[in-house]
C-alpha cells in the first residue's frame, strides 16, 4: 500500500480536488432531487394548460426585463465612463445601489404609490379624453419593478467592460470620420456585446427566480407556481414538474453568460490598454445625462425607499417581532455566508485544473431558490418520516435552509474568490512547497492570506443575497422562525403595506452598507480587474 502522502502528491487525486468535487456535489444534489421528484408517480395537481400559461408568462416577463435592463444598464454605463458631467463620480458607484433593495420591497412601494394615484385616475376618468393610467399589479408593472431592481447587473458588467476597453478602437473610428454616436454604434456596441449579454443573462436569471414581487403583483410565473403547488396543493411532484422548465431556462442562461464571458478580451492584461478619456458634455447635454442617472437612481432606490419610510412612520411596529426576525435574518445570513464561502473556497482551490466542477456548481446560482428548496424536500421528507420528532426539529430545518443558500449562492462567491486566488502566482506556491509546506499548508499560510480581500467580498455578496431571499426560506424554514423577508411577505399578503415597510427598510438598512462598500470597491478597481479584487 502506498503511503498517504504519496496519494496526495502523486498519481491519486489531491485533497483539494476531492473537496472541490464534494462542493460541486452539494450544488448539484438538490437539482437531482427535483428531477427524481418530477419523475415520481405521486399526485400532480397542475394541468398542462397551467404549466403552459406559467411558462408563457415567465417568458414574456423575462423578455420585457431583458430589453429594459439592457437599455437602462448600458446607457447609464456609457454615460458615466465615456462622458464628464455634473455628479458623474457619484453616479459611477451609486447607480448600483438598487441591489440593496429587495425586488419585493420595490413592488410594495410602487403598488402603494399607484393605489394612491388611483384616486387621481378616478377623477381623470370623469373627464372625457383623460381615461388612462397604468396598472401596477400586472405583467407590465412587474416588468417595471424588476427592471429597476436588476438593471445594476447590466450596468456593472457593461461599465467594467468599458473601463477595461482600450481607447484605441474608439479613437480609430473617430479618426476615420465617425461621430461619437457612430463610433458607439459601429465600434462600441459590438465590443460591448459579450458584457451586455452576460449582464442581461444575470438579470433574467434573477427575474425567473423572483417570487415576492411577482406574487404580490398578481403575476403567475413558474416560480409562483412552484411555491403554490407546495403550499396550496401539498404536491411535491407538481412543484418539481413546474421546476423542470425553470432548470432548463437556467441552464441556457448560464451557458449564455459563460459564453459571453469567454468572448471578452482583456487588453489591459496584454499591455495594449490605454484608458478612455471621458469627453466633457456641454451644459445642456450634461444636465440631460445627470438627469437620466438621477432619475434612474430615484426610481430604483430613493423614491420607493422614501415612500416606504413615509408610510412606515404612521405605524407603531411590533418591535419585539421585528427584532427577533432581524436576529434570524442576521444569523441565517452570517451562517449561510460562512458555509457558502467555505465550500466555494474548496471549489476554487481544487477546481483550477478541473473547470468542469466550477461549471457544475454554477447551475445552482442560475436555479431559483424555490427550485432548490423543492429539491431538498424529497430527502428531508424521508428523514422526517424515519426519525421521530425530526419534522418539528429546529436544527434540521435550519441545516436544510443553509444548505439551500449554499447550493444556490456558491457560484456567486466563486467568482470573486477565483479573482483573488489568481493573484497568487505559481512561483509563490512553489516557493512555499520548497520550504516544506504541504499542499494544505501552502493554502493556509500563503494563498488564503493573499486572497483575504476576495474572501470578504464573497462573504458580503452571499450575505446580501441571503437577507433578500424569500421563496426557499418560505418553503424550508422551521416553524416559528420568521426572517424579515418572511414578515414583509406576510404583511403584504394582508395588504398591510405600511407594516410591510418596516421589515423591508430593515433589510435595506442591513444590506446597504455592504452594497456601498462593494460598489465603491468595484468602481475604484484598477483596469484589468473589473471586479475590484485586486
Protein backbone atom coordinates (compact mmCIF):
# COMPACT_ATOMS: atom_id res chain seq x y z
CA UNK A 1 0.00 0.00 0.00
CA UNK A 2 1.26 3.46 -0.90
CA UNK A 3 1.71 5.92 1.95
CA UNK A 4 -0.93 8.59 2.36
CA UNK A 5 1.39 11.44 1.39
CA UNK A 6 2.08 9.74 -1.92
CA UNK A 7 -1.60 9.70 -2.75
CA UNK A 8 -1.94 13.45 -2.35
CA UNK A 9 1.37 14.18 -4.03
CA UNK A 10 1.44 11.82 -6.96
CA UNK A 11 -0.91 9.76 -9.05
CA UNK A 12 -4.05 9.89 -6.90
CA UNK A 13 -6.45 12.78 -6.59
CA UNK A 14 -5.32 15.57 -4.29
CA UNK A 15 -7.22 16.55 -1.17
CA UNK A 16 -8.17 19.88 -2.74
CA UNK A 17 -9.62 18.16 -5.80
CA UNK A 18 -11.68 15.85 -3.60
CA UNK A 19 -13.01 18.83 -1.65
CA UNK A 20 -13.84 20.59 -4.92
CA UNK A 21 -15.88 17.62 -6.14
CA UNK A 22 -17.66 17.44 -2.79
CA UNK A 23 -18.56 21.15 -3.01
CA UNK A 24 -19.85 20.69 -6.55
CA UNK A 25 -21.94 17.74 -5.36
CA UNK A 26 -23.53 19.99 -2.73
CA UNK A 27 -24.74 22.33 -5.50
CA UNK A 28 -25.97 19.57 -7.79
CA UNK A 29 -27.73 17.32 -5.26
CA UNK A 30 -30.89 19.47 -4.96
CA UNK A 31 -31.21 19.60 -8.74
CA UNK A 32 -31.07 15.81 -8.88
CA UNK A 33 -33.74 15.76 -6.18
CA UNK A 34 -36.01 17.90 -8.38
CA UNK A 35 -35.64 15.51 -11.32
CA UNK A 36 -36.32 12.47 -9.13
CA UNK A 37 -39.42 14.11 -7.63
CA UNK A 38 -40.69 15.15 -11.06
CA UNK A 39 -40.41 11.56 -12.33
CA UNK A 40 -42.27 10.21 -9.31
CA UNK A 41 -45.73 8.68 -9.51
CA UNK A 42 -47.33 10.89 -6.89
CA UNK A 43 -50.31 13.17 -7.32
CA UNK A 44 -49.94 16.02 -9.82
CA UNK A 45 -52.46 18.83 -9.43
CA UNK A 46 -51.12 21.15 -12.11
CA UNK A 47 -52.72 20.72 -15.54
CA UNK A 48 -50.72 21.03 -18.74
CA UNK A 49 -52.53 24.24 -19.66
CA UNK A 50 -51.47 25.79 -16.34
CA UNK A 51 -47.87 24.79 -17.00
CA UNK A 52 -48.01 26.40 -20.44
CA UNK A 53 -49.64 29.54 -19.02
CA UNK A 54 -46.99 29.87 -16.30
CA UNK A 55 -44.20 29.29 -18.82
CA UNK A 56 -45.51 31.85 -21.30
CA UNK A 57 -45.91 34.45 -18.56
CA UNK A 58 -42.37 33.81 -17.34
CA UNK A 59 -41.03 34.08 -20.88
CA UNK A 60 -42.89 37.34 -21.55
CA UNK A 61 -41.66 38.83 -18.27
CA UNK A 62 -38.09 37.73 -18.99
CA UNK A 63 -38.13 39.34 -22.44
CA UNK A 64 -39.53 42.63 -21.11
CA UNK A 65 -36.96 42.79 -18.30
CA UNK A 66 -34.14 41.82 -20.66
CA UNK A 67 -34.92 44.69 -23.03
CA UNK A 68 -35.41 47.26 -20.26
CA UNK A 69 -32.29 46.31 -18.28
CA UNK A 70 -30.19 46.22 -21.45
CA UNK A 71 -31.20 49.79 -22.29
CA UNK A 72 -31.03 51.24 -18.78
CA UNK A 73 -27.82 49.48 -17.77
CA UNK A 74 -25.86 50.06 -20.97
CA UNK A 75 -26.88 53.71 -21.40
CA UNK A 76 -26.03 54.60 -17.79
CA UNK A 77 -22.69 52.77 -18.02
CA UNK A 78 -21.85 54.53 -21.29
CA UNK A 79 -22.61 57.93 -19.79
CA UNK A 80 -20.51 57.56 -16.63
CA UNK A 81 -17.49 56.06 -18.42
CA UNK A 82 -17.42 57.93 -21.72
CA UNK A 83 -18.56 61.42 -20.66
CA UNK A 84 -17.89 64.02 -17.99
CA UNK A 85 -20.93 65.73 -16.45
CA UNK A 86 -22.06 67.00 -13.02
CA UNK A 87 -22.28 64.22 -10.41
CA UNK A 88 -20.51 61.65 -12.61
CA UNK A 89 -18.13 60.45 -9.87
CA UNK A 90 -21.06 59.82 -7.50
CA UNK A 91 -23.28 58.16 -10.08
CA UNK A 92 -20.41 55.80 -11.01
CA UNK A 93 -20.97 53.82 -7.80
CA UNK A 94 -24.43 55.00 -6.70
CA UNK A 95 -26.18 53.58 -9.78
CA UNK A 96 -25.53 50.07 -8.41
CA UNK A 97 -27.18 50.78 -5.04
CA UNK A 98 -30.63 49.40 -6.00
CA UNK A 99 -29.03 45.99 -5.48
CA UNK A 100 -29.54 46.63 -1.76
CA UNK A 101 -33.31 46.84 -2.20
CA UNK A 102 -35.26 43.56 -2.47
CA UNK A 103 -37.49 43.41 -5.52
CA UNK A 104 -40.50 42.74 -3.31
CA UNK A 105 -39.87 45.99 -1.42
CA UNK A 106 -39.97 47.89 -4.70
CA UNK A 107 -43.23 46.10 -5.55
CA UNK A 108 -44.81 47.12 -2.23
CA UNK A 109 -43.77 50.75 -2.65
CA UNK A 110 -44.89 51.17 -6.24
CA UNK A 111 -48.15 49.27 -5.74
CA UNK A 112 -48.99 51.59 -2.88
CA UNK A 113 -47.93 54.64 -4.90
CA UNK A 114 -50.13 53.61 -7.79
CA UNK A 115 -53.03 52.90 -5.44
CA UNK A 116 -52.75 56.46 -4.16
CA UNK A 117 -52.53 57.68 -7.73
CA UNK A 118 -55.68 55.67 -8.43
CA UNK A 119 -57.74 58.39 -6.79
CA UNK A 120 -56.35 60.84 -9.32
CA UNK A 121 -57.07 58.42 -12.16
CA UNK A 122 -60.66 58.05 -10.94
CA UNK A 123 -61.07 61.80 -11.22
CA UNK A 124 -59.44 61.83 -14.65
CA UNK A 125 -61.81 59.14 -15.93
CA UNK A 126 -64.68 61.54 -15.29
CA UNK A 127 -63.11 63.94 -17.77
CA UNK A 128 -63.53 62.98 -21.45
CA UNK A 129 -60.24 62.05 -23.05
CA UNK A 130 -58.41 61.54 -19.74
CA UNK A 131 -59.36 57.92 -19.09
CA UNK A 132 -55.84 56.50 -18.82
CA UNK A 133 -53.37 55.23 -16.29
CA UNK A 134 -51.20 52.13 -15.95
CA UNK A 135 -51.97 49.33 -13.53
CA UNK A 136 -49.05 48.29 -11.35
CA UNK A 137 -50.46 44.86 -10.47
CA UNK A 138 -49.97 43.47 -13.94
CA UNK A 139 -47.31 41.96 -16.16
CA UNK A 140 -46.00 45.38 -17.33
CA UNK A 141 -45.98 46.54 -13.71
CA UNK A 142 -43.90 43.53 -12.67
CA UNK A 143 -41.52 44.16 -15.58
CA UNK A 144 -41.17 47.80 -14.48
CA UNK A 145 -40.33 46.82 -10.88
CA UNK A 146 -37.92 44.01 -11.77
CA UNK A 147 -36.14 46.14 -14.37
CA UNK A 148 -35.41 48.79 -11.73
CA UNK A 149 -34.26 46.09 -9.30
CA UNK A 150 -31.95 44.24 -11.71
CA UNK A 151 -30.55 46.82 -14.14
CA UNK A 152 -27.42 47.17 -11.93
CA UNK A 153 -26.28 43.74 -13.16
CA UNK A 154 -26.10 45.10 -16.70
CA UNK A 155 -24.69 48.43 -15.53
CA UNK A 156 -21.81 46.79 -13.63
CA UNK A 157 -20.85 44.33 -16.36
CA UNK A 158 -21.00 46.91 -19.15
CA UNK A 159 -19.19 49.52 -17.08
CA UNK A 160 -16.42 47.01 -16.28
CA UNK A 161 -16.09 46.20 -19.98
CA UNK A 162 -15.88 49.88 -20.88
CA UNK A 163 -13.28 50.62 -18.20
CA UNK A 164 -11.14 47.73 -19.42
CA UNK A 165 -11.60 48.62 -23.08
CA UNK A 166 -8.76 50.41 -24.78
CA UNK A 167 -9.40 53.83 -26.27
CA UNK A 168 -7.57 52.85 -29.47
CA UNK A 169 -10.66 51.40 -31.18
CA UNK A 170 -12.80 54.46 -30.41
CA UNK A 171 -10.03 56.83 -31.47
CA UNK A 172 -9.57 54.93 -34.74
CA UNK A 173 -13.27 55.20 -35.50
CA UNK A 174 -13.25 58.95 -34.76
CA UNK A 175 -10.15 59.50 -36.89
CA UNK A 176 -11.95 57.83 -39.82
CA UNK A 177 -14.72 60.41 -39.60
CA UNK A 178 -17.24 58.77 -37.28
CA UNK A 179 -19.23 60.98 -34.96
CA UNK A 180 -19.43 59.97 -31.26
CA UNK A 181 -22.80 58.30 -31.89
CA UNK A 182 -21.49 56.46 -34.96
CA UNK A 183 -18.44 55.31 -33.02
CA UNK A 184 -20.76 53.95 -30.35
CA UNK A 185 -22.97 52.08 -32.84
CA UNK A 186 -20.23 50.76 -35.15
CA UNK A 187 -17.43 50.09 -32.65
CA UNK A 188 -18.56 50.42 -29.05
CA UNK A 189 -21.65 48.21 -29.11
CA UNK A 190 -20.00 45.26 -30.93
CA UNK A 191 -17.15 45.32 -28.42
CA UNK A 192 -19.61 45.53 -25.52
CA UNK A 193 -21.88 42.76 -26.79
CA UNK A 194 -20.35 39.98 -24.64
CA UNK A 195 -20.58 42.05 -21.44
CA UNK A 196 -24.11 43.17 -22.31
CA UNK A 197 -25.22 39.59 -22.92
CA UNK A 198 -23.69 38.46 -19.62
CA UNK A 199 -25.37 41.24 -17.65
CA UNK A 200 -28.76 40.64 -19.27
CA UNK A 201 -28.44 36.91 -18.60
CA UNK A 202 -27.85 37.62 -14.90
CA UNK A 203 -30.84 39.98 -14.79
CA UNK A 204 -33.08 37.39 -16.45
CA UNK A 205 -31.85 34.70 -14.04
CA UNK A 206 -32.93 36.88 -11.13
CA UNK A 207 -36.23 37.63 -12.86
CA UNK A 208 -37.09 33.96 -13.27
CA UNK A 209 -36.05 33.31 -9.66
CA UNK A 210 -38.13 36.13 -8.18
CA UNK A 211 -41.18 35.21 -6.13
CA UNK A 212 -42.07 38.00 -3.72
CA UNK A 213 -42.55 40.79 -6.26
CA UNK A 214 -44.40 38.82 -8.95
CA UNK A 215 -46.62 37.06 -6.42
CA UNK A 216 -47.63 40.36 -4.82
CA UNK A 217 -48.26 41.94 -8.22
CA UNK A 218 -50.57 39.05 -9.20
CA UNK A 219 -48.34 37.74 -11.98
CA UNK A 220 -48.33 33.94 -12.14
CA UNK A 221 -44.90 32.72 -13.23
CA UNK A 222 -43.28 29.33 -12.97
CA UNK A 223 -41.71 30.28 -9.64
CA UNK A 224 -45.05 31.28 -8.13
CA UNK A 225 -46.45 28.03 -9.49
CA UNK A 226 -43.73 26.03 -7.74
CA UNK A 227 -44.44 27.65 -4.39
CA UNK A 228 -48.23 27.45 -4.86
CA UNK A 229 -48.06 23.75 -5.74
CA UNK A 230 -46.36 23.04 -2.44
CA UNK A 231 -48.29 25.36 -0.12
CA UNK A 232 -51.77 25.07 -1.65
CA UNK A 233 -51.84 21.54 -3.05
CA UNK A 234 -49.10 19.96 -0.96
CA UNK A 235 -47.88 18.25 -4.11
CA UNK A 236 -44.14 17.81 -4.35
CA UNK A 237 -44.50 16.18 -7.77
CA UNK A 238 -46.38 19.17 -9.24
CA UNK A 239 -43.85 21.61 -7.82
CA UNK A 240 -40.99 19.56 -9.24
CA UNK A 241 -42.59 19.35 -12.70
CA UNK A 242 -43.04 23.10 -12.76
CA UNK A 243 -39.42 23.44 -11.69
CA UNK A 244 -38.08 21.48 -14.66
CA UNK A 245 -38.67 24.29 -17.22
CA UNK A 246 -37.03 26.72 -14.80
CA UNK A 247 -33.98 24.46 -14.56
CA UNK A 248 -33.79 24.22 -18.36
CA UNK A 249 -34.05 28.01 -18.72
CA UNK A 250 -31.43 28.47 -16.01
CA UNK A 251 -29.03 26.15 -17.84
CA UNK A 252 -29.50 28.08 -21.11
CA UNK A 253 -28.97 31.43 -19.40
CA UNK A 254 -25.89 30.13 -17.63
CA UNK A 255 -24.50 28.91 -20.95
CA UNK A 256 -25.12 32.35 -22.49
CA UNK A 257 -23.43 34.08 -19.55
CA UNK A 258 -20.39 31.80 -19.67
CA UNK A 259 -20.14 32.04 -23.46
CA UNK A 260 -20.33 35.83 -23.25
CA UNK A 261 -17.62 35.92 -20.63
CA UNK A 262 -15.31 33.77 -22.74
CA UNK A 263 -15.81 36.24 -25.59
CA UNK A 264 -14.38 39.18 -23.66
CA UNK A 265 -10.87 40.40 -24.29
CA UNK A 266 -8.62 41.88 -21.67
CA UNK A 267 -6.41 44.35 -23.45
CA UNK A 268 -5.02 45.62 -20.16
CA UNK A 269 -3.54 42.22 -19.42
CA UNK A 270 -1.88 42.20 -22.86
CA UNK A 271 -0.24 45.57 -22.36
CA UNK A 272 -2.19 47.26 -25.18
CA UNK A 273 -4.60 49.09 -22.91
CA UNK A 274 -4.89 52.86 -22.76
CA UNK A 275 -7.64 54.45 -20.67
CA UNK A 276 -10.59 56.08 -22.39
CA UNK A 277 -10.56 59.79 -21.71
CA UNK A 278 -14.14 60.90 -20.99
CA UNK A 279 -15.33 63.73 -23.18
CA UNK A 280 -16.92 66.71 -21.44
CA UNK A 281 -20.57 67.41 -22.23
CA UNK A 282 -22.00 70.85 -22.73
CA UNK A 283 -24.32 72.42 -20.20
CA UNK A 284 -27.49 71.14 -21.82
CA UNK A 285 -26.30 67.62 -22.58
CA UNK A 286 -24.56 67.39 -19.22
CA UNK A 287 -27.81 68.28 -17.48
CA UNK A 288 -29.65 65.62 -19.51
CA UNK A 289 -27.02 62.98 -18.62
CA UNK A 290 -27.14 63.91 -14.94
CA UNK A 291 -30.93 63.95 -15.07
CA UNK A 292 -31.06 60.48 -16.63
CA UNK A 293 -28.73 58.99 -13.98
CA UNK A 294 -30.50 60.79 -11.14
CA UNK A 295 -33.90 59.69 -12.46
CA UNK A 296 -32.76 56.08 -12.66
CA UNK A 297 -31.35 56.21 -9.13
CA UNK A 298 -34.51 57.91 -7.88
CA UNK A 299 -36.83 55.32 -9.41
CA UNK A 300 -34.67 52.38 -8.32
CA UNK A 301 -33.90 53.47 -4.76
CA UNK A 302 -34.75 56.95 -3.49
CA UNK A 303 -38.47 57.12 -4.37
CA UNK A 304 -39.54 53.61 -3.26
CA UNK A 305 -37.44 53.64 -0.09
CA UNK A 306 -38.64 57.14 0.75
CA UNK A 307 -42.27 56.13 0.21
CA UNK A 308 -41.89 53.02 2.39
CA UNK A 309 -40.30 55.14 5.13
CA UNK A 310 -43.00 57.82 4.89
CA UNK A 311 -45.80 55.28 5.25
CA UNK A 312 -44.00 53.34 7.98
CA UNK A 313 -43.93 56.43 10.18
CA UNK A 314 -47.70 56.15 10.59
CA UNK A 315 -47.42 52.62 12.02
CA UNK A 316 -46.41 51.57 15.50
CA UNK A 317 -44.40 48.44 14.67
CA UNK A 318 -44.22 45.23 16.68
CA UNK A 319 -40.62 45.79 17.70
CA UNK A 320 -40.21 42.52 19.56
CA UNK A 321 -41.24 40.55 16.48
CA UNK A 322 -39.10 42.65 14.17
CA UNK A 323 -36.01 42.39 16.39
CA UNK A 324 -36.47 38.63 16.67
CA UNK A 325 -36.83 38.37 12.88
CA UNK A 326 -33.77 40.57 12.38
CA UNK A 327 -31.82 38.19 14.60
CA UNK A 328 -32.98 35.25 12.49
CA UNK A 329 -32.05 37.08 9.28
CA UNK A 330 -28.61 38.01 10.56
CA UNK A 331 -27.96 34.52 11.89
CA UNK A 332 -29.02 32.85 8.66
CA UNK A 333 -27.16 35.46 6.62
CA UNK A 334 -23.90 35.01 8.50
CA UNK A 335 -24.24 31.24 8.75
CA UNK A 336 -25.16 30.89 5.10
CA UNK A 337 -22.32 33.21 4.07
CA UNK A 338 -19.69 31.31 6.07
CA UNK A 339 -20.80 27.87 4.86
CA UNK A 340 -21.12 29.06 1.27
CA UNK A 341 -17.71 30.77 1.22
CA UNK A 342 -16.02 27.72 2.77
CA UNK A 343 -17.49 25.47 0.08
CA UNK A 344 -16.71 27.98 -2.66
CA UNK A 345 -13.13 28.25 -1.41
CA UNK A 346 -12.74 24.48 -1.60
CA UNK A 347 -14.14 24.61 -5.10
CA UNK A 348 -11.90 27.49 -6.19
CA UNK A 349 -8.76 25.86 -4.80
CA UNK A 350 -9.42 22.43 -6.21
CA UNK A 351 -11.08 23.28 -9.50
CA UNK A 352 -8.24 25.28 -11.07
CA UNK A 353 -7.41 22.33 -13.28
CA UNK A 354 -10.97 20.97 -13.25
CA UNK A 355 -13.13 23.74 -14.73
CA UNK A 356 -16.00 21.30 -15.16
CA UNK A 357 -16.61 21.35 -11.40
CA UNK A 358 -16.96 25.13 -11.42
CA UNK A 359 -19.45 24.92 -14.29
CA UNK A 360 -21.44 22.25 -12.41
CA UNK A 361 -21.66 24.38 -9.27
CA UNK A 362 -22.76 27.39 -11.32
CA UNK A 363 -26.01 25.60 -12.13
CA UNK A 364 -27.09 26.31 -8.58
CA UNK A 365 -26.77 30.08 -8.95
CA UNK A 366 -28.82 30.01 -12.14
CA UNK A 367 -31.54 27.98 -10.41
CA UNK A 368 -34.28 29.78 -8.43
CA UNK A 369 -34.30 29.34 -4.67
CA UNK A 370 -37.78 27.79 -4.81
CA UNK A 371 -36.44 25.04 -7.07
CA UNK A 372 -33.54 24.40 -4.68
CA UNK A 373 -35.98 24.09 -1.80
CA UNK A 374 -38.18 21.63 -3.71
CA UNK A 375 -35.11 19.53 -4.49
CA UNK A 376 -34.34 19.28 -0.79
CA UNK A 377 -37.88 18.39 0.29
CA UNK A 378 -37.73 14.80 -1.00
CA UNK A 379 -34.72 13.70 1.10
CA UNK A 380 -35.97 15.82 4.01
CA UNK A 381 -39.33 14.03 3.96
CA UNK A 382 -37.56 10.70 4.30
CA UNK A 383 -35.75 11.99 7.38
CA UNK A 384 -38.95 13.46 8.80
CA UNK A 385 -40.75 10.14 8.36
CA UNK A 386 -37.90 7.98 9.62
CA UNK A 387 -36.73 9.98 12.63
CA UNK A 388 -39.31 10.63 15.36
CA UNK A 389 -39.62 14.32 16.15
CA UNK A 390 -37.43 15.38 13.23
CA UNK A 391 -40.29 17.18 11.48
CA UNK A 392 -40.61 19.63 14.35
CA UNK A 393 -36.90 19.89 14.98
CA UNK A 394 -35.33 23.32 14.70
CA UNK A 395 -31.85 22.10 13.82
CA UNK A 396 -32.81 20.07 10.74
CA UNK A 397 -34.83 22.92 9.27
CA UNK A 398 -32.02 25.41 9.73
CA UNK A 399 -29.50 23.00 8.22
CA UNK A 400 -31.71 22.48 5.18
CA UNK A 401 -32.14 26.22 4.79
CA UNK A 402 -28.42 26.95 4.98
CA UNK A 403 -27.82 24.06 2.58
CA UNK A 404 -30.24 25.65 0.09
CA UNK A 405 -28.47 29.01 0.41
CA UNK A 406 -25.05 27.42 -0.12
CA UNK A 407 -26.17 25.34 -3.09
CA UNK A 408 -27.65 28.34 -4.86
CA UNK A 409 -25.08 31.01 -4.00
CA UNK A 410 -21.83 29.06 -4.20
CA UNK A 411 -21.18 30.27 -7.73
CA UNK A 412 -21.79 33.90 -6.67
CA UNK A 413 -18.98 33.53 -4.13
CA UNK A 414 -16.79 31.60 -6.55
CA UNK A 415 -16.15 34.44 -8.99
CA UNK A 416 -14.51 36.90 -6.54
CA UNK A 417 -12.59 34.04 -4.92
CA UNK A 418 -11.15 32.94 -8.26
CA UNK A 419 -10.12 36.52 -8.99
CA UNK A 420 -8.42 36.82 -5.59
CA UNK A 421 -6.63 33.47 -5.80
CA UNK A 422 -5.39 34.34 -9.29
CA UNK A 423 -3.09 36.91 -7.64
CA UNK A 424 -1.07 34.06 -6.14
CA UNK A 425 1.49 33.18 -8.80
CA UNK A 426 2.72 29.60 -9.27
CA UNK A 427 6.21 30.69 -8.23
CA UNK A 428 4.93 31.77 -4.81
CA UNK A 429 3.21 28.43 -4.30
CA UNK A 430 6.32 26.58 -5.47
CA UNK A 431 8.45 28.57 -3.02
CA UNK A 432 6.13 27.61 -0.16
CA UNK A 433 6.29 23.94 -1.13
CA UNK A 434 10.08 24.13 -1.43
CA UNK A 435 10.23 25.45 2.14
CA UNK A 436 8.46 22.32 3.34
CA UNK A 437 4.83 23.40 3.29
CA UNK A 438 2.30 20.76 2.40
CA UNK A 439 -0.44 21.46 -0.12
CA UNK A 440 -2.85 22.37 2.68
CA UNK A 441 -0.12 24.33 4.48
CA UNK A 442 0.59 26.42 1.38
CA UNK A 443 -3.11 27.19 1.12
CA UNK A 444 -3.43 28.27 4.76
CA UNK A 445 -0.19 30.22 5.04
CA UNK A 446 0.11 31.78 1.57
CA UNK A 447 -2.88 31.58 -0.71
CA UNK A 448 -5.75 32.43 1.63
CA UNK A 449 -3.98 35.37 3.34
CA UNK A 450 -3.25 36.92 -0.06
CA UNK A 451 -6.90 36.41 -1.08
CA UNK A 452 -8.31 37.79 2.20
CA UNK A 453 -9.96 40.72 0.42
CA UNK A 454 -11.67 38.37 -2.01
CA UNK A 455 -12.90 36.24 0.89
CA UNK A 456 -14.52 39.31 2.47
CA UNK A 457 -16.06 40.32 -0.87
CA UNK A 458 -17.52 36.84 -1.39
CA UNK A 459 -18.89 36.78 2.16
CA UNK A 460 -20.64 40.13 1.70
CA UNK A 461 -22.10 39.10 -1.67
CA UNK A 462 -23.65 35.96 -0.17
CA UNK A 463 -24.79 37.80 2.97
CA UNK A 464 -26.68 40.37 0.87
CA UNK A 465 -28.38 37.69 -1.21
CA UNK A 466 -29.42 35.63 1.82
CA UNK A 467 -31.03 38.62 3.54
CA UNK A 468 -33.13 39.31 0.44
CA UNK A 469 -34.00 35.65 -0.30
CA UNK A 470 -37.66 34.68 0.12
CA UNK A 471 -39.03 31.53 -1.61
CA UNK A 472 -36.53 29.00 -0.24
CA UNK A 473 -36.95 30.49 3.23
CA UNK A 474 -40.74 30.24 2.99
CA UNK A 475 -40.59 26.57 1.99
CA UNK A 476 -37.83 25.27 4.27
CA UNK A 477 -37.88 27.47 7.38
CA UNK A 478 -38.66 25.75 10.68
CA UNK A 479 -41.91 26.55 12.40
CA UNK A 480 -41.93 29.95 14.14
CA UNK A 481 -38.64 31.03 12.54
CA UNK A 482 -39.53 34.18 10.62
CA UNK A 483 -36.99 36.32 8.81
CA UNK A 484 -37.50 39.95 7.89
CA UNK A 485 -38.33 38.92 4.31
CA UNK A 486 -40.96 36.44 5.53
CA UNK A 487 -42.59 39.01 7.81
CA UNK A 488 -42.70 41.56 5.00
CA UNK A 489 -44.33 38.96 2.76
CA UNK A 490 -46.91 38.09 5.43
CA UNK A 491 -47.88 41.73 5.89
CA UNK A 492 -48.06 42.28 2.14
CA UNK A 493 -50.38 39.29 1.66
CA UNK A 494 -52.78 41.00 4.08
CA UNK A 495 -52.37 44.29 2.17
CA UNK A 496 -50.80 45.90 5.24
CA UNK A 497 -48.17 47.65 3.16
CA UNK A 498 -47.30 50.25 5.79
CA UNK A 499 -46.45 47.40 8.18
CA UNK A 500 -44.51 45.62 5.43
CA UNK A 501 -42.40 48.75 5.08
CA UNK A 502 -40.67 48.26 8.43
CA UNK A 503 -39.08 44.83 7.75
CA UNK A 504 -38.31 45.91 4.18
CA UNK A 505 -36.50 49.02 5.43
CA UNK A 506 -34.61 46.94 7.99
CA UNK A 507 -33.37 44.64 5.21
CA UNK A 508 -32.22 47.67 3.22
CA UNK A 509 -30.50 49.12 6.31
CA UNK A 510 -28.61 45.85 6.80
CA UNK A 511 -27.59 45.40 3.17
CA UNK A 512 -26.96 48.99 2.05
CA UNK A 513 -23.58 49.45 3.83
CA UNK A 514 -22.27 46.23 2.30
CA UNK A 515 -23.53 47.22 -1.16
CA UNK A 516 -21.95 50.68 -0.86
CA UNK A 517 -18.63 49.13 0.12
CA UNK A 518 -18.76 46.62 -2.73
CA UNK A 519 -19.77 49.12 -5.40
CA UNK A 520 -17.16 51.65 -4.37
CA UNK A 521 -14.56 48.87 -4.39
CA UNK A 522 -15.64 47.82 -7.87
CA UNK A 523 -15.64 51.33 -9.31
CA UNK A 524 -12.22 52.05 -7.78
CA UNK A 525 -10.68 48.84 -9.12
CA UNK A 526 -7.73 49.04 -11.43
CA UNK A 527 -8.03 48.24 -15.15
CA UNK A 528 -7.87 44.55 -15.84
CA UNK A 529 -9.61 43.77 -12.56
CA UNK A 530 -13.24 44.76 -13.13
CA UNK A 531 -14.47 43.02 -10.01
CA UNK A 532 -12.34 45.05 -7.73
CA UNK A 533 -10.47 42.19 -6.15
CA UNK A 534 -7.06 43.44 -6.97
